[in-house]
Amino acid sequence: MADNTMSMPSGFGGLMRYNEEYNSKLKFGPGAVVGMIIATIILVVGLRMFYG
């Protein structure tokens, strides 16, 4: 079992670099995400008040 060794590049060690793997067509900044969350919360609260 000790003879079965595998050499890996020292910099990566099996970790994947996601920024090179996949580029999404939809890119939102942090402010847009927070704005959408706040808008969703306001919508849900408004619907709960209206439909009770």
N, C-alpha and C. Protein backbone atom coordinates (compact mmCIF):
# COMPACT_ATOMS: atom_id res chain seq x y z
N MET A 1 0.82 -1.19 0.00
CA MET A 1 0.00 0.00 0.00
C MET A 1 0.87 1.26 0.00
N ALA A 2 2.03 1.23 0.64
CA ALA A 2 2.89 2.40 0.69
C ALA A 2 3.55 2.67 -0.65
N ASP A 3 3.65 1.66 -1.52
CA ASP A 3 4.27 1.86 -2.82
C ASP A 3 3.33 2.53 -3.82
N ASN A 4 2.05 2.61 -3.50
CA ASN A 4 1.06 3.18 -4.40
C ASN A 4 0.93 4.68 -4.12
N THR A 5 1.90 5.47 -4.58
CA THR A 5 1.88 6.91 -4.32
C THR A 5 1.48 7.66 -5.58
N MET A 6 0.96 8.85 -5.38
CA MET A 6 0.54 9.69 -6.50
C MET A 6 1.18 11.06 -6.31
N SER A 7 1.81 11.57 -7.35
CA SER A 7 2.40 12.90 -7.24
C SER A 7 1.42 13.93 -7.79
N MET A 8 1.28 15.02 -7.05
CA MET A 8 0.37 16.09 -7.45
C MET A 8 1.17 17.39 -7.53
N PRO A 9 0.70 18.33 -8.33
CA PRO A 9 1.36 19.63 -8.32
C PRO A 9 1.28 20.26 -6.94
N SER A 10 2.35 20.86 -6.50
CA SER A 10 2.41 21.35 -5.12
C SER A 10 1.47 22.53 -4.89
N GLY A 11 1.13 23.28 -5.90
CA GLY A 11 0.30 24.47 -5.71
C GLY A 11 -1.18 24.19 -5.61
N PHE A 12 -1.66 23.10 -6.17
CA PHE A 12 -3.10 22.87 -6.22
C PHE A 12 -3.56 21.81 -5.24
N GLY A 13 -2.91 20.70 -5.15
CA GLY A 13 -3.26 19.66 -4.18
C GLY A 13 -4.66 19.11 -4.37
N GLY A 14 -5.18 19.07 -5.58
CA GLY A 14 -6.50 18.51 -5.83
C GLY A 14 -7.63 19.51 -5.75
N LEU A 15 -7.33 20.75 -5.43
CA LEU A 15 -8.38 21.77 -5.35
C LEU A 15 -8.72 22.29 -6.74
N MET A 16 -9.99 22.57 -6.96
CA MET A 16 -10.45 23.05 -8.25
C MET A 16 -10.51 24.57 -8.25
N ARG A 17 -10.14 25.17 -9.34
CA ARG A 17 -10.25 26.62 -9.47
C ARG A 17 -11.50 26.92 -10.27
N TYR A 18 -12.55 27.34 -9.58
CA TYR A 18 -13.86 27.49 -10.22
C TYR A 18 -13.91 28.67 -11.18
N ASN A 19 -13.12 29.70 -10.96
CA ASN A 19 -13.21 30.86 -11.84
C ASN A 19 -12.74 30.55 -13.25
N GLU A 20 -11.90 29.54 -13.43
CA GLU A 20 -11.48 29.14 -14.76
C GLU A 20 -12.39 28.07 -15.35
N GLU A 21 -13.16 27.42 -14.51
CA GLU A 21 -13.97 26.28 -14.95
C GLU A 21 -15.28 26.73 -15.59
N TYR A 22 -15.94 27.74 -15.03
CA TYR A 22 -17.28 28.11 -15.49
C TYR A 22 -17.46 29.61 -15.40
N ASN A 23 -17.91 30.19 -16.48
CA ASN A 23 -18.24 31.62 -16.49
C ASN A 23 -19.72 31.78 -16.77
N SER A 24 -20.43 32.35 -15.83
CA SER A 24 -21.88 32.51 -15.95
C SER A 24 -22.20 33.71 -16.84
N LYS A 25 -23.32 33.63 -17.54
CA LYS A 25 -23.78 34.77 -18.33
C LYS A 25 -24.47 35.80 -17.46
N LEU A 26 -25.00 35.37 -16.30
CA LEU A 26 -25.66 36.27 -15.36
C LEU A 26 -24.67 36.64 -14.27
N LYS A 27 -24.31 37.91 -14.21
CA LYS A 27 -23.39 38.36 -13.17
C LYS A 27 -24.03 39.53 -12.44
N PHE A 28 -24.19 39.38 -11.14
CA PHE A 28 -24.78 40.42 -10.30
C PHE A 28 -23.75 40.85 -9.27
N GLY A 29 -23.72 42.13 -8.99
CA GLY A 29 -22.87 42.63 -7.94
C GLY A 29 -23.52 42.41 -6.58
N PRO A 30 -22.76 42.60 -5.51
CA PRO A 30 -23.31 42.39 -4.18
C PRO A 30 -24.47 43.33 -3.86
N GLY A 31 -24.41 44.55 -4.34
CA GLY A 31 -25.50 45.49 -4.09
C GLY A 31 -26.79 45.06 -4.75
N ALA A 32 -26.70 44.51 -5.95
CA ALA A 32 -27.90 44.04 -6.65
C ALA A 32 -28.52 42.85 -5.93
N VAL A 33 -27.69 41.97 -5.39
CA VAL A 33 -28.20 40.80 -4.66
C VAL A 33 -28.92 41.25 -3.39
N VAL A 34 -28.31 42.17 -2.65
CA VAL A 34 -28.95 42.69 -1.44
C VAL A 34 -30.25 43.40 -1.78
N GLY A 35 -30.27 44.16 -2.87
CA GLY A 35 -31.49 44.84 -3.30
C GLY A 35 -32.60 43.86 -3.65
N MET A 36 -32.25 42.76 -4.33
CA MET A 36 -33.27 41.76 -4.68
C MET A 36 -33.81 41.06 -3.44
N ILE A 37 -32.95 40.83 -2.46
CA ILE A 37 -33.40 40.19 -1.21
C ILE A 37 -34.36 41.12 -0.47
N ILE A 38 -34.01 42.39 -0.38
CA ILE A 38 -34.87 43.36 0.31
C ILE A 38 -36.20 43.49 -0.43
N ALA A 39 -36.18 43.54 -1.77
CA ALA A 39 -37.42 43.63 -2.54
C ALA A 39 -38.28 42.39 -2.33
N THR A 40 -37.68 41.22 -2.24
CA THR A 40 -38.44 39.99 -2.00
C THR A 40 -39.08 40.01 -0.62
N ILE A 41 -38.33 40.48 0.38
CA ILE A 41 -38.88 40.56 1.74
C ILE A 41 -40.07 41.52 1.77
N ILE A 42 -39.93 42.68 1.13
CA ILE A 42 -41.02 43.65 1.10
C ILE A 42 -42.23 43.07 0.38
N LEU A 43 -42.01 42.35 -0.72
CA LEU A 43 -43.11 41.73 -1.45
C LEU A 43 -43.83 40.70 -0.60
N VAL A 44 -43.09 39.86 0.10
CA VAL A 44 -43.71 38.82 0.94
C VAL A 44 -44.49 39.44 2.09
N VAL A 45 -43.90 40.43 2.75
CA VAL A 45 -44.60 41.09 3.86
C VAL A 45 -45.85 41.80 3.35
N GLY A 46 -45.76 42.46 2.20
CA GLY A 46 -46.93 43.13 1.63
C GLY A 46 -48.04 42.16 1.27
N LEU A 47 -47.69 41.02 0.68
CA LEU A 47 -48.71 40.02 0.34
C LEU A 47 -49.34 39.42 1.58
N ARG A 48 -48.55 39.21 2.63
CA ARG A 48 -49.11 38.68 3.88
C ARG A 48 -50.07 39.67 4.52
N MET A 49 -49.75 40.96 4.42
CA MET A 49 -50.65 41.97 4.99
C MET A 49 -51.92 42.09 4.16
N PHE A 50 -51.79 42.00 2.85
CA PHE A 50 -52.94 42.16 1.97
C PHE A 50 -53.87 40.95 2.01
N TYR A 51 -53.29 39.74 1.98
CA TYR A 51 -54.11 38.52 1.97
C TYR A 51 -54.31 37.93 3.35
N GLY A 52 -53.65 38.45 4.33
CA GLY A 52 -53.85 38.16 5.69
C GLY A 52 -53.68 36.91 6.33
